[in-house]
Amino acid sequence: MKSITIQSYLESLGLKPKEITIYITLYSLGKNPASSIARACNLERVYTYKALQKFVSMWITAQTVSNNV
């Protein structure tokens, strides 16, 4: 059986390297706002937010709303 890494799997889904970094950071940190994930990845919040929205549209993560934010 061939072993596949999460990174190669995410690449096969068409994610870009920065998006993969965001996804892995999200997985590591757990539920956090886009600003915290962006800070941990050292990426712009807007780029991170768009990547997170992409993940939701691809059904590889879910979006939650806390305190109407």
Protein backbone atom coordinates (compact mmCIF):
# COMPACT_ATOMS: atom_id res chain seq x y z
CA MET A 1 0.00 0.00 0.00
CA LYS A 2 1.32 3.43 -0.97
CA SER A 3 1.74 5.92 1.87
CA ILE A 4 0.55 9.48 1.23
CA THR A 5 1.33 12.56 3.29
CA ILE A 6 -1.22 15.20 4.17
CA GLN A 7 0.80 17.72 2.16
CA SER A 8 0.79 15.59 -1.00
CA TYR A 9 -2.93 14.91 -0.51
CA LEU A 10 -3.66 18.64 -0.22
CA GLU A 11 -1.53 19.26 -3.32
CA SER A 12 -3.61 16.69 -5.18
CA LEU A 13 -6.71 18.73 -4.25
CA GLY A 14 -5.13 21.72 -5.99
CA LEU A 15 -4.11 23.74 -2.94
CA LYS A 16 -1.21 26.18 -3.29
CA PRO A 17 1.78 26.00 -0.91
CA LYS A 18 0.55 28.95 1.21
CA GLU A 19 -2.91 27.39 1.43
CA ILE A 20 -1.37 24.13 2.60
CA THR A 21 0.50 26.04 5.30
CA ILE A 22 -2.76 27.65 6.39
CA TYR A 23 -4.60 24.32 6.46
CA ILE A 24 -1.88 22.58 8.49
CA THR A 25 -1.74 25.53 10.90
CA LEU A 26 -5.52 25.47 11.27
CA TYR A 27 -5.33 21.75 12.02
CA SER A 28 -2.60 22.37 14.61
CA LEU A 29 -4.25 25.34 16.33
CA GLY A 30 -7.84 24.19 16.12
CA LYS A 31 -10.73 26.64 16.15
CA ASN A 32 -9.26 30.15 15.87
CA PRO A 33 -10.08 33.40 14.09
CA ALA A 34 -8.52 34.08 10.70
CA SER A 35 -6.31 36.77 12.25
CA SER A 36 -4.70 34.28 14.66
CA ILE A 37 -4.13 31.75 11.90
CA ALA A 38 -2.65 34.45 9.65
CA ARG A 39 -0.33 35.58 12.43
CA ALA A 40 0.83 32.00 13.08
CA CYS A 41 1.52 31.53 9.35
CA ASN A 42 3.09 34.97 8.95
CA LEU A 43 0.62 35.71 6.12
CA GLU A 44 -1.82 38.53 5.43
CA ARG A 45 -5.19 38.17 7.14
CA VAL A 46 -7.10 38.83 3.91
CA TYR A 47 -5.24 36.05 2.07
CA THR A 48 -5.81 33.71 4.99
CA TYR A 49 -9.51 34.56 5.16
CA LYS A 50 -9.92 33.84 1.42
CA ALA A 51 -8.08 30.53 1.80
CA LEU A 52 -10.32 29.55 4.72
CA GLN A 53 -13.40 30.38 2.65
CA LYS A 54 -11.98 28.19 -0.14
CA PHE A 55 -11.58 25.31 2.33
CA VAL A 56 -15.21 25.68 3.39
CA SER A 57 -16.37 25.66 -0.24
CA MET A 58 -14.28 22.52 -0.86
CA TRP A 59 -15.83 20.86 2.22
CA ILE A 60 -12.42 20.22 3.82
CA THR A 61 -13.22 22.34 6.87
CA ALA A 62 -16.22 24.01 8.48
CA GLN A 63 -16.91 27.58 9.47
CA THR A 64 -18.21 28.50 12.90
CA VAL A 65 -19.56 31.80 14.18
CA SER A 66 -18.81 32.92 17.73
CA ASN A 67 -20.24 36.07 19.30
CA ASN A 68 -21.73 37.09 15.95
CA VAL A 69 -18.24 37.40 14.43
